């Protein structure tokens, strides 16, 4: 199984997690998946860098998204 396939599988598993916490204070948390937008892998069919304007805190990690639409799709 290729690394790309494993990564997509892991991202898909994370996307299915039922509970999400929207963060008010995300400064003290690590960034997940090197700052890439996990929804972008599926909607844009390529890696898309997220940004600090669209962030979700989950299990102590910040997930960055490229757009508010991607953030809403995640959670």
C-alpha atoms as a PDB file:
ATOM      1  CA  UNK A   1       0.000   0.000   0.000  1.00  0.00           C
ATOM      2  CA  UNK A   2       1.458   3.377  -0.964  1.00  0.00           C
ATOM      3  CA  UNK A   3       2.058   6.202   1.489  1.00  0.00           C
ATOM      4  CA  UNK A   4      -0.502   8.316  -0.381  1.00  0.00           C
ATOM      5  CA  UNK A   5      -3.146   5.615   0.060  1.00  0.00           C
ATOM      6  CA  UNK A   6      -2.328   5.287   3.763  1.00  0.00           C
ATOM      7  CA  UNK A   7      -2.491   9.054   4.253  1.00  0.00           C
ATOM      8  CA  UNK A   8      -5.845   9.336   2.503  1.00  0.00           C
ATOM      9  CA  UNK A   9      -7.176   6.464   4.624  1.00  0.00           C
ATOM     10  CA  UNK A  10      -5.990   8.126   7.816  1.00  0.00           C
ATOM     11  CA  UNK A  11      -7.515  11.445   6.804  1.00  0.00           C
ATOM     12  CA  UNK A  12     -10.797   9.761   5.927  1.00  0.00           C
ATOM     13  CA  UNK A  13     -10.853   8.101   9.362  1.00  0.00           C
ATOM     14  CA  UNK A  14     -10.251  11.452  11.052  1.00  0.00           C
ATOM     15  CA  UNK A  15     -13.005  13.061   8.990  1.00  0.00           C
ATOM     16  CA  UNK A  16     -15.491  10.548  10.356  1.00  0.00           C
ATOM     17  CA  UNK A  17     -14.872  11.397  13.989  1.00  0.00           C
ATOM     18  CA  UNK A  18     -18.181  12.557  15.446  1.00  0.00           C
ATOM     19  CA  UNK A  19     -17.018  15.111  17.972  1.00  0.00           C
ATOM     20  CA  UNK A  20     -15.312  18.361  17.102  1.00  0.00           C
ATOM     21  CA  UNK A  21     -14.484  21.278  19.345  1.00  0.00           C
ATOM     22  CA  UNK A  22     -14.227  24.703  17.776  1.00  0.00           C
ATOM     23  CA  UNK A  23     -11.376  26.476  19.462  1.00  0.00           C
ATOM     24  CA  UNK A  24     -11.433  29.921  20.952  1.00  0.00           C
ATOM     25  CA  UNK A  25      -7.766  29.635  22.004  1.00  0.00           C
ATOM     26  CA  UNK A  26      -5.647  27.620  19.587  1.00  0.00           C
ATOM     27  CA  UNK A  27      -2.261  29.186  20.354  1.00  0.00           C
ATOM     28  CA  UNK A  28      -0.998  26.408  22.635  1.00  0.00           C
ATOM     29  CA  UNK A  29      -1.823  23.449  20.394  1.00  0.00           C
ATOM     30  CA  UNK A  30       0.222  21.649  17.752  1.00  0.00           C
ATOM     31  CA  UNK A  31      -0.785  21.797  14.100  1.00  0.00           C
ATOM     32  CA  UNK A  32      -2.076  18.534  12.602  1.00  0.00           C
ATOM     33  CA  UNK A  33      -1.036  17.056   9.231  1.00  0.00           C
ATOM     34  CA  UNK A  34       1.653  19.717   8.746  1.00  0.00           C
ATOM     35  CA  UNK A  35      -0.988  22.402   8.258  1.00  0.00           C
ATOM     36  CA  UNK A  36      -2.671  20.829   5.249  1.00  0.00           C
ATOM     37  CA  UNK A  37      -6.427  21.114   4.769  1.00  0.00           C
ATOM     38  CA  UNK A  38      -7.710  17.535   5.209  1.00  0.00           C
ATOM     39  CA  UNK A  39     -10.927  18.290   3.313  1.00  0.00           C
ATOM     40  CA  UNK A  40      -8.968  19.673   0.366  1.00  0.00           C
ATOM     41  CA  UNK A  41      -7.524  16.230  -0.359  1.00  0.00           C
ATOM     42  CA  UNK A  42     -11.028  15.141  -1.302  1.00  0.00           C
ATOM     43  CA  UNK A  43     -12.664  18.283  -2.692  1.00  0.00           C
ATOM     44  CA  UNK A  44      -9.662  19.554  -4.679  1.00  0.00           C
ATOM     45  CA  UNK A  45      -8.035  16.141  -5.260  1.00  0.00           C
ATOM     46  CA  UNK A  46      -4.662  17.510  -4.152  1.00  0.00           C
ATOM     47  CA  UNK A  47      -2.883  18.744  -1.034  1.00  0.00           C
ATOM     48  CA  UNK A  48      -4.058  22.225  -0.046  1.00  0.00           C
ATOM     49  CA  UNK A  49      -2.386  24.274   2.698  1.00  0.00           C
ATOM     50  CA  UNK A  50      -4.721  25.495   5.415  1.00  0.00           C
ATOM     51  CA  UNK A  51      -4.429  28.860   7.122  1.00  0.00           C
ATOM     52  CA  UNK A  52      -4.920  30.325  10.574  1.00  0.00           C
ATOM     53  CA  UNK A  53      -8.269  31.895   9.683  1.00  0.00           C
ATOM     54  CA  UNK A  54     -10.125  28.561   9.598  1.00  0.00           C
ATOM     55  CA  UNK A  55      -9.032  26.365  12.528  1.00  0.00           C
ATOM     56  CA  UNK A  56     -10.642  23.506  14.454  1.00  0.00           C
ATOM     57  CA  UNK A  57      -9.109  22.193  17.692  1.00  0.00           C
ATOM     58  CA  UNK A  58      -9.599  18.453  18.184  1.00  0.00           C
ATOM     59  CA  UNK A  59      -7.797  16.247  20.721  1.00  0.00           C
ATOM     60  CA  UNK A  60      -5.168  18.912  21.310  1.00  0.00           C
ATOM     61  CA  UNK A  61      -4.329  19.415  17.637  1.00  0.00           C
ATOM     62  CA  UNK A  62      -5.163  22.350  15.395  1.00  0.00           C
ATOM     63  CA  UNK A  63      -6.607  21.396  12.021  1.00  0.00           C
ATOM     64  CA  UNK A  64      -6.186  24.212   9.508  1.00  0.00           C
ATOM     65  CA  UNK A  65      -8.533  24.672   6.564  1.00  0.00           C
ATOM     66  CA  UNK A  66      -8.217  26.704   3.380  1.00  0.00           C
ATOM     67  CA  UNK A  67     -11.766  28.045   3.612  1.00  0.00           C
ATOM     68  CA  UNK A  68     -14.736  28.321   5.945  1.00  0.00           C
ATOM     69  CA  UNK A  69     -16.596  25.915   3.626  1.00  0.00           C
ATOM     70  CA  UNK A  70     -13.914  23.254   4.166  1.00  0.00           C
ATOM     71  CA  UNK A  71     -14.018  23.859   7.918  1.00  0.00           C
ATOM     72  CA  UNK A  72     -17.800  23.394   7.959  1.00  0.00           C
ATOM     73  CA  UNK A  73     -17.503  20.233   5.849  1.00  0.00           C
ATOM     74  CA  UNK A  74     -15.101  18.777   8.434  1.00  0.00           C
ATOM     75  CA  UNK A  75     -17.264  19.407  11.443  1.00  0.00           C
END
